[in-house]
Amino acid sequence: VYRARDPRLKRDVAIKVLPPSFAANRDRLQRIEQEARAAAALNHPNILAIHDIGHAASASALESPYIVCELLEGQTLRSRLNSGSIPTGQASEWSTQVLRGLQAAHAKCIVHRDLKPENLFITCAGPVKILDFGLAKLIAPSMSPSSTETQEAHTIPGAILGSIGYMSPEQVRGEAADGRADIFAFGAILYEMVSGRLAFQAPSVPGTMRAILDTDPPDPDTLTHSGQTGLLRIIRRCLDKNPDRRFQSAADLAFAIDTLTIPSVASVATAGARRSRAQAIAWLGG
């Protein structure tokens, strides 16, 4: 990914380039084109904006496909998590933004299928952006969430797609994945945000896959000690092995988080300022 300047619109952009040696790989080429089509179909403040797609001439006989997208300033959620867990108020605010983006994608029948901290970007301007729809799959609008048919035929039946540790049980089994797979991945991300550790981790890839299929992660101490049982129940429901028992939409999940009585970062700061003023007034009165 390169930083570049658009001379026509006079703005800085990011260019995502597939090397010429990869352009010969049809699957890789389809993935970058799939990402461009999926993201370009979405226009939402919490989803990375795609400006253009094309093929650039190179020294070899092959051309390099590229995507031009908005340039983001900030850090990925993974970079933030490397510093430790995130306060529940902040985690809830970021989660709500991610869910708004997912809601917009699912409304257009687009499933991300590779949601992870590396694909969530915390911008300096404030909004959290969802990146990389390279594994996105379009689902026919008329189909039920449990349907196994898809509009796109690029994926080999039974293939395992996604990132180990954030894949849903149905993805691990190589089954069809709908929006509820994104909700499972979101649950794993939210768990990691509030606990500071991975929800599913083992010494080997097969061990991690078995954990996703058969075990539940321990309850985060940060939630049990602080009495945030509502958020804990939400995480458990997101990580249910059975997709029918998870939240059935990102909108319902966002509503559940919004209704929790978790103080936001701004409200905590405001409350702290009020307490300081009250203490100062009491001291002066004394």
C-alpha atoms as a PDB file:
ATOM      1  CA  VAL A   1       0.000   0.000   0.000  1.00  0.00           C
ATOM      2  CA  TYR A   2       1.465   3.356  -1.067  1.00  0.00           C
ATOM      3  CA  ARG A   3       0.692   6.947  -0.217  1.00  0.00           C
ATOM      4  CA  ALA A   4       0.103   8.969  -3.399  1.00  0.00           C
ATOM      5  CA  ARG A   5      -1.158  12.286  -4.693  1.00  0.00           C
ATOM      6  CA  ASP A   6      -4.186  12.584  -6.983  1.00  0.00           C
ATOM      7  CA  PRO A   7      -3.246  15.513  -9.296  1.00  0.00           C
ATOM      8  CA  ARG A   8      -6.729  15.858 -10.727  1.00  0.00           C
ATOM      9  CA  LEU A   9      -8.607  16.253  -7.453  1.00  0.00           C
ATOM     10  CA  LYS A  10      -5.517  17.485  -5.585  1.00  0.00           C
ATOM     11  CA  ARG A  11      -5.820  15.137  -2.638  1.00  0.00           C
ATOM     12  CA  ASP A  12      -3.687  12.487  -0.969  1.00  0.00           C
ATOM     13  CA  VAL A  13      -4.853   8.917  -1.470  1.00  0.00           C
ATOM     14  CA  ALA A  14      -3.706   5.363  -0.765  1.00  0.00           C
ATOM     15  CA  ILE A  15      -2.937   2.940  -3.602  1.00  0.00           C
ATOM     16  CA  LYS A  16      -3.143  -0.784  -2.962  1.00  0.00           C
ATOM     17  CA  VAL A  17      -1.078  -2.601  -5.604  1.00  0.00           C
ATOM     18  CA  LEU A  18      -0.947  -6.295  -6.414  1.00  0.00           C
ATOM     19  CA  PRO A  19       2.598  -7.123  -7.601  1.00  0.00           C
ATOM     20  CA  PRO A  20       2.904  -8.257 -11.246  1.00  0.00           C
ATOM     21  CA  SER A  21       4.044 -11.713 -10.172  1.00  0.00           C
ATOM     22  CA  PHE A  22       0.741 -12.136  -8.321  1.00  0.00           C
ATOM     23  CA  ALA A  23      -1.336 -10.853 -11.226  1.00  0.00           C
ATOM     24  CA  ALA A  24      -0.816 -14.191 -12.955  1.00  0.00           C
ATOM     25  CA  ASN A  25      -2.602 -15.850 -10.041  1.00  0.00           C
ATOM     26  CA  ARG A  26      -6.261 -15.752 -10.986  1.00  0.00           C
ATOM     27  CA  ASP A  27      -7.442 -16.213  -7.413  1.00  0.00           C
ATOM     28  CA  ARG A  28      -5.407 -13.269  -6.133  1.00  0.00           C
ATOM     29  CA  LEU A  29      -6.580 -11.126  -9.024  1.00  0.00           C
ATOM     30  CA  GLN A  30     -10.199 -12.006  -8.316  1.00  0.00           C
ATOM     31  CA  ARG A  31      -9.720 -11.134  -4.649  1.00  0.00           C
ATOM     32  CA  ILE A  32      -8.480  -7.604  -5.247  1.00  0.00           C
ATOM     33  CA  GLU A  33     -11.237  -7.005  -7.820  1.00  0.00           C
ATOM     34  CA  GLN A  34     -13.748  -8.484  -5.400  1.00  0.00           C
ATOM     35  CA  GLU A  35     -12.549  -6.096  -2.690  1.00  0.00           C
ATOM     36  CA  ALA A  36     -12.942  -3.132  -5.007  1.00  0.00           C
ATOM     37  CA  ARG A  37     -16.451  -4.091  -6.114  1.00  0.00           C
ATOM     38  CA  ALA A  38     -17.645  -4.875  -2.603  1.00  0.00           C
ATOM     39  CA  ALA A  39     -16.266  -1.715  -0.995  1.00  0.00           C
ATOM     40  CA  ALA A  40     -17.281   0.527  -3.899  1.00  0.00           C
ATOM     41  CA  ALA A  41     -20.868  -0.663  -3.487  1.00  0.00           C
ATOM     42  CA  LEU A  42     -20.837   0.760   0.033  1.00  0.00           C
ATOM     43  CA  ASN A  43     -20.922   4.421   0.981  1.00  0.00           C
ATOM     44  CA  HIS A  44     -20.617   4.646   4.738  1.00  0.00           C
ATOM     45  CA  PRO A  45     -18.445   6.686   7.132  1.00  0.00           C
ATOM     46  CA  ASN A  46     -17.295   3.500   8.886  1.00  0.00           C
ATOM     47  CA  ILE A  47     -16.134   1.723   5.710  1.00  0.00           C
ATOM     48  CA  LEU A  48     -12.998   2.538   3.721  1.00  0.00           C
ATOM     49  CA  ALA A  49     -13.981   4.489   0.588  1.00  0.00           C
ATOM     50  CA  ILE A  50     -12.821   3.163  -2.797  1.00  0.00           C
ATOM     51  CA  HIS A  51     -12.125   5.812  -5.462  1.00  0.00           C
ATOM     52  CA  ASP A  52     -10.866   3.835  -8.460  1.00  0.00           C
ATOM     53  CA  ILE A  53      -9.515   0.531  -9.778  1.00  0.00           C
ATOM     54  CA  GLY A  54      -7.243  -0.159 -12.724  1.00  0.00           C
ATOM     55  CA  HIS A  55      -4.253  -1.978 -14.181  1.00  0.00           C
ATOM     56  CA  ALA A  56      -0.809  -0.371 -14.482  1.00  0.00           C
ATOM     57  CA  ALA A  57       1.779  -1.327 -17.072  1.00  0.00           C
ATOM     58  CA  SER A  58       4.964  -2.866 -15.711  1.00  0.00           C
ATOM     59  CA  ALA A  59       8.372  -3.896 -16.996  1.00  0.00           C
ATOM     60  CA  SER A  60       7.175  -7.467 -17.319  1.00  0.00           C
ATOM     61  CA  ALA A  61       4.525  -8.692 -19.690  1.00  0.00           C
ATOM     62  CA  LEU A  62       2.016  -8.670 -16.818  1.00  0.00           C
ATOM     63  CA  GLU A  63       0.078  -5.667 -15.570  1.00  0.00           C
ATOM     64  CA  SER A  64      -0.279  -4.688 -11.936  1.00  0.00           C
ATOM     65  CA  PRO A  65      -3.877  -4.300 -10.769  1.00  0.00           C
ATOM     66  CA  TYR A  66      -4.415  -1.552  -8.207  1.00  0.00           C
ATOM     67  CA  ILE A  67      -7.103   0.038  -6.030  1.00  0.00           C
ATOM     68  CA  VAL A  68      -7.179   3.743  -5.169  1.00  0.00           C
ATOM     69  CA  CYS A  69      -8.826   4.435  -1.813  1.00  0.00           C
ATOM     70  CA  GLU A  70      -9.034   7.162   0.797  1.00  0.00           C
ATOM     71  CA  LEU A  71      -5.911   7.789   2.828  1.00  0.00           C
ATOM     72  CA  LEU A  72      -6.377   7.150   6.537  1.00  0.00           C
ATOM     73  CA  GLU A  73      -4.351   8.656   9.372  1.00  0.00           C
ATOM     74  CA  GLY A  74      -4.242   6.728  12.624  1.00  0.00           C
ATOM     75  CA  GLN A  75      -3.613   3.130  13.632  1.00  0.00           C
ATOM     76  CA  THR A  76      -5.163  -0.292  13.296  1.00  0.00           C
ATOM     77  CA  LEU A  77      -7.006  -1.798  16.227  1.00  0.00           C
ATOM     78  CA  ARG A  78      -4.244  -4.426  16.354  1.00  0.00           C
ATOM     79  CA  SER A  79      -1.658  -1.696  16.983  1.00  0.00           C
ATOM     80  CA  ARG A  80      -3.819  -0.310  19.782  1.00  0.00           C
ATOM     81  CA  LEU A  81      -4.312  -3.765  21.322  1.00  0.00           C
ATOM     82  CA  ASN A  82      -0.554  -4.275  21.432  1.00  0.00           C
ATOM     83  CA  SER A  83      -0.632  -1.724  24.253  1.00  0.00           C
ATOM     84  CA  GLY A  84      -3.149  -3.709  26.277  1.00  0.00           C
ATOM     85  CA  SER A  85      -6.888  -3.950  26.839  1.00  0.00           C
ATOM     86  CA  ILE A  86      -9.300  -1.101  26.115  1.00  0.00           C
ATOM     87  CA  PRO A  87     -11.656   0.465  28.704  1.00  0.00           C
ATOM     88  CA  THR A  88     -15.189  -0.844  28.295  1.00  0.00           C
ATOM     89  CA  GLY A  89     -16.626   2.581  27.525  1.00  0.00           C
ATOM     90  CA  GLN A  90     -14.201   3.178  24.671  1.00  0.00           C
ATOM     91  CA  ALA A  91     -14.565  -0.403  23.431  1.00  0.00           C
ATOM     92  CA  SER A  92     -18.328   0.021  23.310  1.00  0.00           C
ATOM     93  CA  GLU A  93     -18.095   3.275  21.344  1.00  0.00           C
ATOM     94  CA  TRP A  94     -15.743   1.756  18.767  1.00  0.00           C
ATOM     95  CA  SER A  95     -17.859  -1.393  18.591  1.00  0.00           C
ATOM     96  CA  THR A  96     -20.988   0.579  17.791  1.00  0.00           C
ATOM     97  CA  GLN A  97     -19.209   2.249  14.879  1.00  0.00           C
ATOM     98  CA  VAL A  98     -17.960  -1.072  13.515  1.00  0.00           C
ATOM     99  CA  LEU A  99     -21.463  -2.507  13.759  1.00  0.00           C
ATOM    100  CA  ARG A 100     -22.904   0.449  11.837  1.00  0.00           C
ATOM    101  CA  GLY A 101     -20.488  -0.339   9.016  1.00  0.00           C
ATOM    102  CA  LEU A 102     -21.362  -4.034   9.137  1.00  0.00           C
ATOM    103  CA  GLN A 103     -25.049  -3.171   9.111  1.00  0.00           C
ATOM    104  CA  ALA A 104     -24.556  -1.160   5.918  1.00  0.00           C
ATOM    105  CA  ALA A 105     -22.605  -4.002   4.303  1.00  0.00           C
ATOM    106  CA  HIS A 106     -25.105  -6.683   5.297  1.00  0.00           C
ATOM    107  CA  ALA A 107     -27.966  -4.510   4.031  1.00  0.00           C
ATOM    108  CA  LYS A 108     -26.366  -4.792   0.580  1.00  0.00           C
ATOM    109  CA  CYS A 109     -25.921  -8.538   1.098  1.00  0.00           C
ATOM    110  CA  ILE A 110     -22.148  -8.260   1.531  1.00  0.00           C
ATOM    111  CA  VAL A 111     -20.477 -10.406   4.197  1.00  0.00           C
ATOM    112  CA  HIS A 112     -16.920  -9.442   5.176  1.00  0.00           C
ATOM    113  CA  ARG A 113     -15.785 -12.925   6.329  1.00  0.00           C
ATOM    114  CA  ASP A 114     -12.353 -11.712   7.483  1.00  0.00           C
ATOM    115  CA  LEU A 115     -13.129  -9.297  10.313  1.00  0.00           C
ATOM    116  CA  LYS A 116     -10.152  -8.946  12.684  1.00  0.00           C
ATOM    117  CA  PRO A 117      -8.258  -6.169  14.519  1.00  0.00           C
ATOM    118  CA  GLU A 118      -5.912  -5.764  11.545  1.00  0.00           C
ATOM    119  CA  ASN A 119      -8.904  -4.848   9.373  1.00  0.00           C
ATOM    120  CA  LEU A 120     -10.288  -2.211  11.746  1.00  0.00           C
ATOM    121  CA  PHE A 121      -8.671   1.231  11.592  1.00  0.00           C
ATOM    122  CA  ILE A 122      -8.956   3.886  14.293  1.00  0.00           C
ATOM    123  CA  THR A 123      -8.593   7.207  12.498  1.00  0.00           C
ATOM    124  CA  CYS A 124      -7.165  10.364  14.040  1.00  0.00           C
ATOM    125  CA  ALA A 125     -10.328  12.151  12.941  1.00  0.00           C
ATOM    126  CA  GLY A 126     -12.475   9.865  15.085  1.00  0.00           C
ATOM    127  CA  PRO A 127     -14.391   7.303  12.977  1.00  0.00           C
ATOM    128  CA  VAL A 128     -13.434   3.632  13.010  1.00  0.00           C
ATOM    129  CA  LYS A 129     -13.144   2.219   9.477  1.00  0.00           C
ATOM    130  CA  ILE A 130     -13.591  -1.342   8.261  1.00  0.00           C
ATOM    131  CA  LEU A 131     -10.867  -2.352   5.787  1.00  0.00           C
ATOM    132  CA  ASP A 132     -10.226  -5.159   3.313  1.00  0.00           C
ATOM    133  CA  PHE A 133     -13.303  -6.700   1.788  1.00  0.00           C
ATOM    134  CA  GLY A 134     -11.063  -9.088  -0.165  1.00  0.00           C
ATOM    135  CA  LEU A 135     -12.882 -12.113   1.218  1.00  0.00           C
ATOM    136  CA  ALA A 136     -16.313 -10.513   0.971  1.00  0.00           C
ATOM    137  CA  LYS A 137     -19.064 -12.674  -0.463  1.00  0.00           C
ATOM    138  CA  LEU A 138     -22.311 -11.457  -1.956  1.00  0.00           C
ATOM    139  CA  ILE A 139     -25.463 -13.225  -0.770  1.00  0.00           C
ATOM    140  CA  ALA A 140     -28.607 -13.165  -2.879  1.00  0.00           C
ATOM    141  CA  PRO A 141     -31.048 -10.683  -1.214  1.00  0.00           C
ATOM    142  CA  SER A 142     -33.992 -13.065  -1.454  1.00  0.00           C
ATOM    143  CA  MET A 143     -32.249 -15.823   0.471  1.00  0.00           C
ATOM    144  CA  SER A 144     -32.622 -16.596   4.137  1.00  0.00           C
ATOM    145  CA  PRO A 145     -29.541 -16.239   6.388  1.00  0.00           C
ATOM    146  CA  SER A 146     -29.208 -20.033   6.543  1.00  0.00           C
ATOM    147  CA  SER A 147     -29.213 -20.533   2.785  1.00  0.00           C
ATOM    148  CA  THR A 148     -26.123 -22.123   1.250  1.00  0.00           C
ATOM    149  CA  GLU A 149     -26.456 -20.514  -2.189  1.00  0.00           C
ATOM    150  CA  THR A 150     -24.455 -17.458  -3.170  1.00  0.00           C
ATOM    151  CA  GLN A 151     -24.323 -15.113  -6.111  1.00  0.00           C
ATOM    152  CA  GLU A 152     -20.560 -15.350  -6.369  1.00  0.00           C
ATOM    153  CA  ALA A 153     -18.984 -18.599  -7.533  1.00  0.00           C
ATOM    154  CA  HIS A 154     -15.326 -17.670  -7.014  1.00  0.00           C
ATOM    155  CA  THR A 155     -14.991 -19.605  -3.746  1.00  0.00           C
ATOM    156  CA  ILE A 156     -14.179 -23.303  -3.943  1.00  0.00           C
ATOM    157  CA  PRO A 157     -16.864 -25.289  -2.057  1.00  0.00           C
ATOM    158  CA  GLY A 158     -15.524 -26.495   1.279  1.00  0.00           C
ATOM    159  CA  ALA A 159     -12.573 -24.080   1.262  1.00  0.00           C
ATOM    160  CA  ILE A 160     -11.632 -22.509   4.599  1.00  0.00           C
ATOM    161  CA  LEU A 161     -11.479 -18.720   4.256  1.00  0.00           C
ATOM    162  CA  GLY A 162     -10.772 -16.191   6.966  1.00  0.00           C
ATOM    163  CA  SER A 163      -8.205 -15.595   9.715  1.00  0.00           C
ATOM    164  CA  ILE A 164      -7.579 -18.259  12.340  1.00  0.00           C
ATOM    165  CA  GLY A 165      -8.761 -17.057  15.744  1.00  0.00           C
ATOM    166  CA  TYR A 166     -11.624 -14.969  14.361  1.00  0.00           C
ATOM    167  CA  MET A 167     -13.317 -17.479  12.091  1.00  0.00           C
ATOM    168  CA  SER A 168     -16.783 -18.710  12.955  1.00  0.00           C
ATOM    169  CA  PRO A 169     -17.380 -22.439  13.522  1.00  0.00           C
ATOM    170  CA  GLU A 170     -19.173 -22.662  10.177  1.00  0.00           C
ATOM    171  CA  GLN A 171     -16.140 -21.142   8.436  1.00  0.00           C
ATOM    172  CA  VAL A 172     -13.840 -23.630  10.177  1.00  0.00           C
ATOM    173  CA  ARG A 173     -16.039 -26.452   8.886  1.00  0.00           C
ATOM    174  CA  GLY A 174     -15.894 -24.993   5.366  1.00  0.00           C
ATOM    175  CA  GLU A 175     -19.621 -24.305   5.316  1.00  0.00           C
ATOM    176  CA  ALA A 176     -21.447 -21.317   3.829  1.00  0.00           C
ATOM    177  CA  ALA A 177     -21.058 -18.149   5.919  1.00  0.00           C
ATOM    178  CA  ASP A 178     -23.577 -15.331   6.211  1.00  0.00           C
ATOM    179  CA  GLY A 179     -23.689 -12.145   8.277  1.00  0.00           C
ATOM    180  CA  ARG A 180     -23.742 -14.125  11.509  1.00  0.00           C
ATOM    181  CA  ALA A 181     -20.154 -15.211  10.802  1.00  0.00           C
ATOM    182  CA  ASP A 182     -19.175 -11.532  10.954  1.00  0.00           C
ATOM    183  CA  ILE A 183     -21.018 -11.269  14.270  1.00  0.00           C
ATOM    184  CA  PHE A 184     -18.993 -14.189  15.659  1.00  0.00           C
ATOM    185  CA  ALA A 185     -15.762 -12.505  14.532  1.00  0.00           C
ATOM    186  CA  PHE A 186     -16.947  -9.242  16.084  1.00  0.00           C
ATOM    187  CA  GLY A 187     -17.570 -11.077  19.368  1.00  0.00           C
ATOM    188  CA  ALA A 188     -14.000 -12.393  19.327  1.00  0.00           C
ATOM    189  CA  ILE A 189     -12.704  -8.865  18.670  1.00  0.00           C
ATOM    190  CA  LEU A 190     -14.826  -7.336  21.459  1.00  0.00           C
ATOM    191  CA  TYR A 191     -13.615 -10.072  23.824  1.00  0.00           C
ATOM    192  CA  GLU A 192     -10.015  -9.202  22.957  1.00  0.00           C
ATOM    193  CA  MET A 193     -10.623  -5.477  23.395  1.00  0.00           C
ATOM    194  CA  VAL A 194     -11.944  -5.779  26.960  1.00  0.00           C
ATOM    195  CA  SER A 195      -9.720  -8.661  28.116  1.00  0.00           C
ATOM    196  CA  GLY A 196      -6.445  -7.946  26.328  1.00  0.00           C
ATOM    197  CA  ARG A 197      -6.139 -11.553  25.140  1.00  0.00           C
ATOM    198  CA  LEU A 198      -7.349 -13.668  22.255  1.00  0.00           C
ATOM    199  CA  ALA A 199     -10.658 -15.466  22.641  1.00  0.00           C
ATOM    200  CA  PHE A 200      -9.354 -18.572  20.847  1.00  0.00           C
ATOM    201  CA  GLN A 201      -5.676 -19.425  20.860  1.00  0.00           C
ATOM    202  CA  ALA A 202      -3.723 -22.670  20.912  1.00  0.00           C
ATOM    203  CA  PRO A 203      -0.117 -23.677  20.143  1.00  0.00           C
ATOM    204  CA  SER A 204      -1.148 -24.921  16.699  1.00  0.00           C
ATOM    205  CA  VAL A 205      -3.612 -23.948  13.988  1.00  0.00           C
ATOM    206  CA  PRO A 206      -5.575 -27.226  14.348  1.00  0.00           C
ATOM    207  CA  GLY A 207      -5.737 -26.615  18.107  1.00  0.00           C
ATOM    208  CA  THR A 208      -7.155 -23.125  17.604  1.00  0.00           C
ATOM    209  CA  MET A 209      -9.710 -24.498  15.147  1.00  0.00           C
ATOM    210  CA  ARG A 210     -10.767 -27.145  17.668  1.00  0.00           C
ATOM    211  CA  ALA A 211     -11.150 -24.441  20.320  1.00  0.00           C
ATOM    212  CA  ILE A 212     -13.438 -22.452  18.036  1.00  0.00           C
ATOM    213  CA  LEU A 213     -15.557 -25.550  17.437  1.00  0.00           C
ATOM    214  CA  ASP A 214     -15.681 -27.031  20.933  1.00  0.00           C
ATOM    215  CA  THR A 215     -14.713 -24.630  23.737  1.00  0.00           C
ATOM    216  CA  ASP A 216     -15.829 -21.281  25.130  1.00  0.00           C
ATOM    217  CA  PRO A 217     -13.267 -18.678  26.221  1.00  0.00           C
ATOM    218  CA  PRO A 218     -13.100 -17.876  29.953  1.00  0.00           C
ATOM    219  CA  ASP A 219     -15.028 -14.826  31.103  1.00  0.00           C
ATOM    220  CA  PRO A 220     -12.820 -11.698  31.072  1.00  0.00           C
ATOM    221  CA  ASP A 221     -11.838 -10.617  34.570  1.00  0.00           C
ATOM    222  CA  THR A 222     -12.292  -6.983  33.562  1.00  0.00           C
ATOM    223  CA  LEU A 223     -16.027  -7.596  33.124  1.00  0.00           C
ATOM    224  CA  THR A 224     -16.699  -9.911  36.071  1.00  0.00           C
ATOM    225  CA  HIS A 225     -14.819  -7.649  38.506  1.00  0.00           C
ATOM    226  CA  SER A 226     -16.462  -4.457  37.263  1.00  0.00           C
ATOM    227  CA  GLY A 227     -19.961  -5.917  37.209  1.00  0.00           C
ATOM    228  CA  GLN A 228     -20.411  -5.475  33.456  1.00  0.00           C
ATOM    229  CA  THR A 229     -22.581  -8.577  33.185  1.00  0.00           C
ATOM    230  CA  GLY A 230     -24.624  -7.088  30.333  1.00  0.00           C
ATOM    231  CA  LEU A 231     -21.576  -6.750  28.092  1.00  0.00           C
ATOM    232  CA  LEU A 232     -20.452 -10.226  29.118  1.00  0.00           C
ATOM    233  CA  ARG A 233     -23.810 -11.699  28.031  1.00  0.00           C
ATOM    234  CA  ILE A 234     -23.506  -9.907  24.681  1.00  0.00           C
ATOM    235  CA  ILE A 235     -20.045 -11.377  24.066  1.00  0.00           C
ATOM    236  CA  ARG A 236     -21.234 -14.869  24.994  1.00  0.00           C
ATOM    237  CA  ARG A 237     -24.150 -14.615  22.590  1.00  0.00           C
ATOM    238  CA  CYS A 238     -21.923 -13.378  19.764  1.00  0.00           C
ATOM    239  CA  LEU A 239     -19.580 -16.346  20.308  1.00  0.00           C
ATOM    240  CA  ASP A 240     -22.301 -18.992  20.390  1.00  0.00           C
ATOM    241  CA  LYS A 241     -21.302 -22.001  18.295  1.00  0.00           C
ATOM    242  CA  ASN A 242     -24.788 -22.166  16.797  1.00  0.00           C
ATOM    243  CA  PRO A 243     -25.426 -19.221  14.429  1.00  0.00           C
ATOM    244  CA  ASP A 244     -29.167 -19.446  15.159  1.00  0.00           C
ATOM    245  CA  ARG A 245     -28.489 -18.506  18.796  1.00  0.00           C
ATOM    246  CA  ARG A 246     -26.306 -15.490  17.979  1.00  0.00           C
ATOM    247  CA  PHE A 247     -27.556 -12.000  17.300  1.00  0.00           C
ATOM    248  CA  GLN A 248     -29.233 -12.274  13.917  1.00  0.00           C
ATOM    249  CA  SER A 249     -28.235  -8.816  12.694  1.00  0.00           C
ATOM    250  CA  ALA A 250     -25.596  -6.164  13.315  1.00  0.00           C
ATOM    251  CA  ALA A 251     -28.415  -3.700  13.973  1.00  0.00           C
ATOM    252  CA  ASP A 252     -29.781  -5.781  16.868  1.00  0.00           C
ATOM    253  CA  LEU A 253     -26.290  -6.186  18.288  1.00  0.00           C
ATOM    254  CA  ALA A 254     -25.576  -2.451  18.069  1.00  0.00           C
ATOM    255  CA  PHE A 255     -28.875  -1.727  19.834  1.00  0.00           C
ATOM    256  CA  ALA A 256     -27.971  -4.174  22.622  1.00  0.00           C
ATOM    257  CA  ILE A 257     -24.637  -2.436  23.189  1.00  0.00           C
ATOM    258  CA  ASP A 258     -26.202   1.034  23.018  1.00  0.00           C
ATOM    259  CA  THR A 259     -28.681   0.134  25.759  1.00  0.00           C
ATOM    260  CA  LEU A 260     -25.938  -0.885  28.178  1.00  0.00           C
ATOM    261  CA  THR A 261     -25.183   1.585  30.963  1.00  0.00           C
ATOM    262  CA  ILE A 262     -21.476   1.863  30.127  1.00  0.00           C
ATOM    263  CA  PRO A 263     -20.117   5.391  30.587  1.00  0.00           C
ATOM    264  CA  SER A 264     -18.439   6.759  27.470  1.00  0.00           C
ATOM    265  CA  VAL A 265     -14.995   8.333  27.525  1.00  0.00           C
ATOM    266  CA  ALA A 266     -16.544  11.784  27.130  1.00  0.00           C
ATOM    267  CA  SER A 267     -19.083  11.233  29.882  1.00  0.00           C
ATOM    268  CA  VAL A 268     -16.394   9.940  32.248  1.00  0.00           C
ATOM    269  CA  ALA A 269     -14.304  13.052  31.566  1.00  0.00           C
ATOM    270  CA  THR A 270     -17.328  15.291  32.079  1.00  0.00           C
ATOM    271  CA  ALA A 271     -18.241  13.543  35.308  1.00  0.00           C
ATOM    272  CA  GLY A 272     -14.652  13.883  36.521  1.00  0.00           C
ATOM    273  CA  ALA A 273     -14.668  17.601  35.745  1.00  0.00           C
ATOM    274  CA  ARG A 274     -17.950  18.045  37.597  1.00  0.00           C
ATOM    275  CA  ARG A 275     -16.555  16.240  40.629  1.00  0.00           C
ATOM    276  CA  SER A 276     -13.448  18.451  40.551  1.00  0.00           C
ATOM    277  CA  ARG A 277     -15.575  21.612  40.385  1.00  0.00           C
ATOM    278  CA  ALA A 278     -17.794  20.379  43.194  1.00  0.00           C
ATOM    279  CA  GLN A 279     -14.758  19.593  45.357  1.00  0.00           C
ATOM    280  CA  ALA A 280     -13.283  23.022  44.602  1.00  0.00           C
ATOM    281  CA  ILE A 281     -16.552  24.747  45.541  1.00  0.00           C
ATOM    282  CA  ALA A 282     -16.765  22.717  48.761  1.00  0.00           C
ATOM    283  CA  TRP A 283     -13.173  23.635  49.627  1.00  0.00           C
ATOM    284  CA  LEU A 284     -13.819  27.319  48.976  1.00  0.00           C
ATOM    285  CA  GLY A 285     -17.012  27.156  50.995  1.00  0.00           C
ATOM    286  CA  GLY A 286     -15.127  25.584  53.876  1.00  0.00           C
END
